[in-house]
Protein backbone atom coordinates (compact mmCIF):
# COMPACT_ATOMS: atom_id res chain seq x y z
CA UNK A 1 50.70 -68.56 44.40
CA UNK A 2 50.22 -67.65 40.74
CA UNK A 3 52.37 -65.26 38.73
CA UNK A 4 51.50 -61.64 38.02
CA UNK A 5 52.15 -60.98 34.34
CA UNK A 6 52.31 -57.45 32.92
CA UNK A 7 51.84 -56.93 29.16
CA UNK A 8 52.64 -53.49 27.79
CA UNK A 9 52.78 -51.89 24.34
CA UNK A 10 55.62 -49.37 23.91
CA UNK A 11 57.00 -47.12 21.21
CA UNK A 12 60.74 -47.07 20.51
CA UNK A 13 61.01 -44.02 22.78
CA UNK A 14 59.12 -45.75 25.57
CA UNK A 15 55.65 -44.19 25.24
CA UNK A 16 52.73 -46.37 26.34
CA UNK A 17 49.91 -43.81 26.22
CA UNK A 18 46.89 -44.27 23.96
CA UNK A 19 48.00 -47.33 21.97
CA UNK A 20 44.59 -48.44 20.76
CA UNK A 21 42.73 -45.39 19.50
CA UNK A 22 42.88 -41.67 18.77
CA UNK A 23 40.55 -40.77 21.65
CA UNK A 24 41.66 -43.50 24.05
CA UNK A 25 43.84 -41.35 26.33
CA UNK A 26 44.23 -37.64 25.60
CA UNK A 27 45.66 -36.59 28.97
CA UNK A 28 48.26 -33.80 28.83
CA UNK A 29 47.02 -32.92 25.34
CA UNK A 30 48.22 -36.23 23.86
CA UNK A 31 46.96 -36.35 20.26
CA UNK A 32 48.91 -39.29 18.82
CA UNK A 33 46.75 -42.17 20.02
CA UNK A 34 46.18 -45.32 18.00
CA UNK A 35 49.83 -45.88 17.11
CA UNK A 36 49.63 -49.69 17.42
CA UNK A 37 46.80 -50.07 14.89
CA UNK A 38 48.90 -50.14 11.66
CA UNK A 39 51.02 -52.98 13.06
CA UNK A 40 48.34 -55.51 13.90
CA UNK A 41 48.81 -58.79 12.02
CA UNK A 42 48.43 -62.55 12.51
CA UNK A 43 51.71 -62.80 14.44
CA UNK A 44 50.58 -60.12 16.86
CA UNK A 45 47.16 -61.72 17.23
CA UNK A 46 48.69 -65.15 17.78
CA UNK A 47 50.96 -63.89 20.55
CA UNK A 48 48.19 -62.00 22.33
CA UNK A 49 45.87 -64.98 21.98
CA UNK A 50 48.47 -67.15 23.68
CA UNK A 51 48.85 -64.64 26.50
CA UNK A 52 45.12 -64.37 27.06
CA UNK A 53 44.76 -68.13 27.01
CA UNK A 54 46.95 -68.39 30.11
CA UNK A 55 44.92 -65.89 32.11
CA UNK A 56 43.13 -66.83 35.31
CA UNK A 57 42.12 -63.29 36.27
CA UNK A 58 42.79 -59.69 35.28
CA UNK A 59 43.97 -56.75 37.37
CA UNK A 60 43.38 -53.37 35.73
CA UNK A 61 43.67 -49.68 36.44
CA UNK A 62 40.49 -47.62 36.25
CA UNK A 63 41.18 -46.00 32.87
CA UNK A 64 42.08 -49.28 31.16
CA UNK A 65 39.11 -50.97 32.83
CA UNK A 66 36.72 -48.35 31.43
CA UNK A 67 38.19 -48.75 27.93
CA UNK A 68 37.89 -52.53 28.08
CA UNK A 69 34.40 -52.44 29.63
CA UNK A 70 33.12 -50.29 26.78
CA UNK A 71 34.44 -52.72 24.16
CA UNK A 72 34.82 -56.35 25.24
CA UNK A 73 31.26 -57.10 26.46
CA UNK A 74 30.10 -56.53 22.88
CA UNK A 75 32.55 -59.08 21.43
CA UNK A 76 31.14 -62.56 20.89
CA UNK A 77 34.21 -64.19 19.33
CA UNK A 78 34.86 -67.35 21.42
CA UNK A 79 38.61 -66.84 21.02
CA UNK A 80 38.34 -63.51 22.85
CA UNK A 81 36.06 -64.37 25.74
CA UNK A 82 38.57 -64.45 28.59
CA UNK A 83 37.96 -60.83 29.51
CA UNK A 84 34.22 -61.41 29.69
CA UNK A 85 34.22 -64.67 31.62
CA UNK A 86 37.18 -64.50 34.02
CA UNK A 87 37.39 -62.50 37.27
CA UNK A 88 38.41 -58.88 36.89
CA UNK A 89 39.85 -56.70 39.64
CA UNK A 90 40.03 -52.93 39.19
CA UNK A 91 42.05 -50.63 41.42
CA UNK A 92 39.91 -47.55 42.04
CA UNK A 93 38.72 -45.19 44.76
CA UNK A 94 35.82 -43.90 42.67
CA UNK A 95 34.25 -46.93 40.96
CA UNK A 96 31.36 -48.07 43.16
CA UNK A 97 29.02 -50.29 41.15
CA UNK A 98 30.75 -51.83 38.12
CA UNK A 99 28.38 -53.14 35.46
CA UNK A 100 30.82 -55.52 33.77
CA UNK A 101 30.21 -59.03 35.09
CA UNK A 102 32.70 -60.64 37.48
CA UNK A 103 34.31 -57.33 38.46
CA UNK A 104 35.64 -56.65 41.96
CA UNK A 105 36.90 -53.23 43.03
CA UNK A 106 40.02 -53.02 45.21
CA UNK A 107 41.22 -49.82 46.82
CA UNK A 108 44.95 -50.20 46.23
CA UNK A 109 45.61 -48.68 49.66
CA UNK A 110 47.61 -51.77 50.62
CA UNK A 111 48.56 -52.92 47.15
CA UNK A 112 50.95 -55.66 48.24
CA UNK A 113 48.42 -57.28 50.55
CA UNK A 114 45.54 -56.98 48.08
CA UNK A 115 47.50 -58.31 45.10
CA UNK A 116 49.01 -61.20 47.03
CA UNK A 117 45.54 -62.18 48.25
CA UNK A 118 44.29 -62.24 44.64
CA UNK A 119 47.33 -64.28 43.56
CA UNK A 120 46.65 -66.82 46.28
CA UNK A 121 43.12 -67.53 45.05
CA UNK A 122 43.77 -67.38 41.29
CA UNK A 123 44.45 -70.36 39.04
CA UNK A 124 46.25 -69.32 35.90
CA UNK A 125 48.09 -66.03 35.49
CA UNK A 126 46.98 -62.81 37.12
CA UNK A 127 47.36 -60.49 34.14
CA UNK A 128 47.75 -56.72 33.89
CA UNK A 129 47.30 -55.09 30.50
CA UNK A 130 48.17 -51.43 29.96
CA UNK A 131 47.09 -49.68 33.19
CA UNK A 132 50.12 -47.40 33.29
CA UNK A 133 49.87 -45.92 36.79
CA UNK A 134 48.93 -49.27 38.31
CA UNK A 135 51.76 -50.97 36.42
CA UNK A 136 54.25 -48.47 37.81
CA UNK A 137 53.00 -49.11 41.35
CA UNK A 138 53.22 -52.87 40.87
CA UNK A 139 56.79 -52.57 39.58
CA UNK A 140 57.72 -50.28 42.47
CA UNK A 141 56.47 -52.87 44.96
CA UNK A 142 58.24 -55.80 43.19
CA UNK A 143 54.89 -57.44 42.43
CA UNK A 144 55.52 -58.14 38.72
CA UNK A 145 56.84 -61.65 38.06
CA UNK A 146 56.79 -61.67 34.24
CA UNK A 147 56.95 -58.72 31.85
CA UNK A 148 55.94 -58.85 28.17
CA UNK A 149 57.20 -55.74 26.37
CA UNK A 150 55.88 -55.30 22.83
CA UNK A 151 57.91 -52.56 21.17
CA UNK A 152 56.40 -51.00 18.05
CA UNK A 153 58.63 -49.44 15.35
CA UNK A 154 57.46 -45.87 15.87
CA UNK A 155 58.76 -42.82 17.76
CA UNK A 156 56.25 -40.27 19.08
CA UNK A 157 58.39 -37.81 21.01
CA UNK A 158 55.78 -37.25 23.71
CA UNK A 159 53.38 -39.18 25.91
CA UNK A 160 53.37 -41.05 29.19
CA UNK A 161 56.00 -43.72 29.68
CA UNK A 162 56.05 -46.95 31.63
CA UNK A 163 59.56 -46.42 33.00
CA UNK A 164 59.49 -42.78 34.05
CA UNK A 165 62.09 -40.90 36.07
CA UNK A 166 62.21 -42.29 39.59
CA UNK A 167 61.44 -45.89 38.65
CA UNK A 168 62.79 -48.42 41.15
CA UNK A 169 66.03 -50.01 39.86
CA UNK A 170 65.10 -53.57 38.92
CA UNK A 171 66.90 -56.38 37.10
CA UNK A 172 65.17 -58.82 34.75
CA UNK A 173 66.16 -62.09 33.12
CA UNK A 174 65.38 -62.30 29.41
CA UNK A 175 63.38 -65.46 28.70
CA UNK A 176 61.89 -65.17 25.18
CA UNK A 177 61.85 -63.01 22.06
CA UNK A 178 60.11 -62.84 18.70
CA UNK A 179 59.37 -60.37 15.91
CA UNK A 180 56.05 -60.01 14.10
CA UNK A 181 55.72 -59.57 10.36
CA UNK A 182 55.13 -55.84 10.80
CA UNK A 183 58.22 -55.37 12.95
CA UNK A 184 56.83 -55.44 16.48
CA UNK A 185 59.58 -56.81 18.74
CA UNK A 186 58.27 -58.93 21.62
CA UNK A 187 60.49 -59.54 24.63
CA UNK A 188 59.59 -61.51 27.75
CA UNK A 189 61.42 -60.95 31.02
CA UNK A 190 61.32 -62.55 34.45
CA UNK A 191 61.92 -60.45 37.55
CA UNK A 192 65.43 -60.93 38.95
CA UNK A 193 65.66 -58.59 41.93
CA UNK A 194 67.95 -55.57 42.07
CA UNK A 195 70.57 -54.76 39.42
CA UNK A 196 74.23 -55.61 39.95
CA UNK A 197 76.83 -52.93 39.33
CA UNK A 198 80.50 -52.84 38.47
CA UNK A 199 83.27 -50.92 36.74
CA UNK A 200 85.24 -51.86 33.63
CA UNK A 201 89.00 -51.92 34.12
CA UNK A 202 91.98 -51.86 31.76
CA UNK A 203 92.11 -55.67 31.97
CA UNK A 204 88.65 -55.78 30.35
CA UNK A 205 89.76 -53.69 27.32
């Protein structure tokens, strides 16, 4: 069974909403979209190219799928063709007839069963990019094996967050880190079950 890998862009205060454009996601009156754009550089592109090169399929939420479907089919750069040529799965109750090639709609009603079935038949990583609500559901069901968190040096003060109140307590093992030339900090984590807890004593002081 392949790994499910989640890649997410975050601000320093944990916001993940609207990273790629001013009109990308304006829910709840969010008007600060496009906050990743000033920080794109060769280091960032190199990391994302490496991630995409390990993909075997993509699992996306409906909003992220629509954003990608409006952009990537028009890109002819051979270094960016994974999204056009590999299988794509979109969790949606409303999408009926997707036009983007190699797209399969899943309901998400039994997310664990559906995702595990996709992992069984996928060679290469099953990757999730963005897709905030889907990502939260995957984390809540312990379906994320590897987590790439790209933290951008900006604070927004509002917007939807990946780790909202009520997130399932989860431990991760840190496996890699790097910093781009523009100051984006990239951390990779592997799922490690539930957190351990303890109490400091006087002997620890």
